[in-house]
Protein backbone atom coordinates (compact mmCIF):
# COMPACT_ATOMS: atom_id res chain seq x y z
CA MET A 1 -27.47 -14.43 -6.75
CA PRO A 2 -28.92 -11.09 -7.85
CA ASP A 3 -27.16 -9.18 -10.63
CA ASN A 4 -28.06 -5.91 -8.99
CA LEU A 5 -30.40 -4.31 -6.49
CA ILE A 6 -32.28 -1.10 -7.23
CA LEU A 7 -33.51 0.58 -4.08
CA GLU A 8 -35.50 3.71 -3.40
CA LEU A 9 -34.13 5.78 -0.56
CA PRO A 10 -37.04 8.04 0.42
CA SER A 11 -35.36 9.22 3.62
CA LEU A 12 -32.05 9.52 5.42
CA GLU A 13 -33.17 6.59 7.57
CA ALA A 14 -33.59 4.42 4.45
CA THR A 15 -30.05 5.32 3.39
CA GLN A 16 -28.80 4.42 6.85
CA ARG A 17 -30.62 1.06 6.75
CA LEU A 18 -29.00 0.20 3.41
CA ALA A 19 -25.54 1.29 4.57
CA THR A 20 -25.89 -0.67 7.83
CA ALA A 21 -27.07 -3.76 5.96
CA LEU A 22 -24.01 -3.46 3.71
CA GLY A 23 -21.79 -3.13 6.78
CA HIS A 24 -23.21 -6.38 8.16
CA SER A 25 -22.65 -8.05 4.77
CA MET A 26 -19.08 -6.94 4.11
CA ARG A 27 -15.96 -9.01 4.08
CA VAL A 28 -12.42 -8.02 3.21
CA PRO A 29 -10.76 -7.43 0.93
CA LEU A 30 -13.56 -5.49 -0.73
CA THR A 31 -13.61 -2.41 -2.92
CA VAL A 32 -16.82 -0.41 -3.12
CA ALA A 33 -17.01 2.06 -6.01
CA PHE A 34 -19.47 4.92 -5.45
CA GLU A 35 -20.89 6.90 -8.36
CA GLY A 36 -23.33 9.79 -8.47
CA ASP A 37 -23.61 13.52 -8.96
CA LEU A 38 -22.85 16.09 -6.28
CA GLY A 39 -25.49 15.85 -3.58
CA ALA A 40 -26.44 12.26 -4.40
CA GLY A 41 -25.53 11.12 -0.88
CA LYS A 42 -22.24 9.25 -1.38
CA THR A 43 -20.40 10.72 1.60
CA GLN A 44 -23.41 10.39 3.90
CA PHE A 45 -23.79 6.74 2.84
CA ILE A 46 -20.11 6.16 3.67
CA ARG A 47 -20.59 7.82 7.09
CA PHE A 48 -23.43 5.41 7.86
CA LEU A 49 -21.46 2.45 6.51
CA ALA A 50 -18.38 3.32 8.57
CA ALA A 51 -20.54 3.81 11.68
CA SER A 52 -22.00 0.33 11.20
CA LEU A 53 -18.41 -0.94 11.24
CA GLY A 54 -17.55 0.84 14.50
CA VAL A 55 -16.03 4.08 13.22
CA PRO A 56 -17.19 7.15 15.19
CA ASN A 57 -19.32 9.38 12.96
CA GLU A 58 -17.24 12.50 13.61
CA GLU A 59 -14.13 10.76 12.20
CA VAL A 60 -15.67 10.25 8.76
CA THR A 61 -15.18 13.26 6.53
CA SER A 62 -15.14 13.68 2.78
CA PRO A 63 -11.59 13.26 1.48
CA THR A 64 -12.26 15.63 -1.44
CA TYR A 65 -9.29 17.83 -0.55
CA VAL A 66 -7.00 15.31 1.16
CA LEU A 67 -7.91 12.56 -1.38
CA LEU A 68 -7.66 9.74 1.18
CA GLN A 69 -8.85 9.03 4.71
CA ARG A 70 -8.08 5.95 6.81
CA TYR A 71 -10.46 4.73 9.51
CA GLN A 72 -10.18 1.92 12.03
CA GLY A 73 -13.31 0.07 13.07
CA GLN A 74 -14.11 -3.63 12.89
CA MET A 75 -11.88 -3.50 9.80
CA VAL A 76 -9.47 -1.01 8.31
CA ILE A 77 -11.25 1.29 5.84
CA TYR A 78 -9.58 3.44 3.18
CA HIS A 79 -11.86 6.19 1.87
CA PHE A 80 -10.73 7.70 -1.45
CA ASP A 81 -12.24 10.56 -3.41
CA PHE A 82 -11.35 10.84 -7.11
CA TYR A 83 -13.30 14.09 -7.67
CA ARG A 84 -10.30 16.44 -7.80
CA LEU A 85 -7.95 14.04 -9.55
CA GLU A 86 -7.17 14.77 -13.17
CA SER A 87 -5.41 11.64 -14.37
CA GLU A 88 -5.12 7.92 -13.90
CA SER A 89 -1.49 8.36 -12.82
CA GLN A 90 -2.64 10.48 -9.87
CA VAL A 91 -4.80 7.56 -8.71
CA TRP A 92 -1.89 5.14 -8.96
CA ASP A 93 0.35 7.64 -7.12
CA LEU A 94 -1.97 7.31 -4.12
CA GLY A 95 -0.90 3.64 -3.87
CA ILE A 96 -4.41 2.27 -4.26
CA ASP A 97 -3.24 -0.82 -6.16
CA GLU A 98 -1.15 -1.89 -3.16
CA LEU A 99 -4.31 -1.98 -1.04
CA PHE A 100 -6.47 -4.15 -3.33
CA GLU A 101 -5.17 -7.46 -1.94
CA GLN A 102 -4.88 -6.29 1.66
CA PRO A 103 -7.55 -7.31 4.20
CA VAL A 104 -9.15 -3.87 4.09
CA ALA A 105 -12.27 -2.17 2.80
CA ILE A 106 -11.67 0.41 0.08
CA LEU A 107 -14.45 2.95 -0.47
CA ILE A 108 -14.07 5.20 -3.51
CA GLU A 109 -16.19 8.27 -4.22
CA TRP A 110 -16.35 9.35 -7.89
CA ALA A 111 -14.95 5.95 -8.91
CA ASP A 112 -16.47 6.33 -12.38
CA LYS A 113 -13.88 9.02 -13.22
CA PHE A 114 -11.16 6.34 -13.46
CA PRO A 115 -12.80 2.93 -13.89
CA GLN A 116 -9.52 1.55 -15.23
CA CYS A 117 -8.08 2.01 -11.72
CA LEU A 118 -10.58 -0.35 -10.09
CA PRO A 119 -9.73 -3.96 -9.29
CA GLU A 120 -11.37 -6.76 -11.26
CA ASP A 121 -13.75 -7.54 -8.41
CA PHE A 122 -15.66 -4.64 -6.86
CA LEU A 123 -19.11 -3.65 -5.67
CA ARG A 124 -20.60 -0.63 -7.46
CA ILE A 125 -23.10 1.68 -5.78
CA SER A 126 -24.63 4.24 -8.14
CA MET A 127 -26.60 6.90 -6.32
CA ARG A 128 -28.80 9.58 -7.76
CA GLN A 129 -31.09 12.25 -6.47
CA LEU A 130 -34.54 12.25 -8.01
CA SER A 131 -36.50 15.39 -8.89
CA ASP A 132 -38.69 15.02 -5.80
CA GLY A 133 -35.65 15.09 -3.49
CA GLN A 134 -35.64 11.36 -2.85
CA ARG A 135 -32.67 9.22 -3.72
CA MET A 136 -32.18 5.97 -5.50
CA ALA A 137 -29.29 3.49 -5.27
CA GLU A 138 -28.32 0.71 -7.63
CA VAL A 139 -25.93 -1.84 -6.16
CA SER A 140 -24.19 -4.23 -8.55
CA ALA A 141 -21.46 -6.84 -8.27
CA ASN A 142 -18.47 -7.14 -10.56
CA GLY A 143 -16.87 -10.41 -9.51
CA ALA A 144 -17.21 -13.41 -7.22
CA VAL A 145 -16.44 -11.74 -3.87
CA SER A 146 -18.61 -8.71 -4.58
CA GLY A 147 -21.33 -11.12 -5.77
CA GLU A 148 -21.24 -12.88 -2.41
CA VAL A 149 -21.47 -9.53 -0.64
CA LEU A 150 -24.41 -8.51 -2.84
CA SER A 151 -26.21 -11.76 -2.00
CA ALA A 152 -25.55 -11.23 1.71
CA LEU A 153 -26.81 -7.66 1.39
CA GLU A 154 -30.01 -8.81 -0.25
CA ALA A 155 -30.51 -11.33 2.58
CA GLN A 156 -29.89 -8.61 5.19
CA LEU A 157 -32.45 -6.32 3.57
CA ARG A 158 -35.05 -9.10 3.48
CA GLN A 159 -34.59 -9.62 7.24
CA ALA A 160 -34.96 -5.93 8.05
């Protein structure tokens, strides 16, 4: 089982391939913690991921101002954004801890703002924009379930 995958994303199509491969590898419950600066591609990645799970693209919007979106596709997806939150208590007030054991996918943008609010087992996707405009993603597992998903993701990418 890989500890992490580091992938270059030279195009939007490469980002879509990675997100789609993750969609085919996912199982629930699963929390995916997204990290990266503004413009790193977190929301676009989530759009592609949700689309691969049967959510119409126009339904997926950044929850920066509403803090939480819920989508229904092949699985229920909760899309959080911690960017505007100022404290750990605000995260808990959203009821996120009640979702961790539910058969749902939880996708969190800006998860690194409140790492103490993440479950023990989660998949981390760190995205960054490089100076040449390309992007890079590092995917790492933090637990048994996320480790299985990471292994399945690696297998999906090898087949592509």
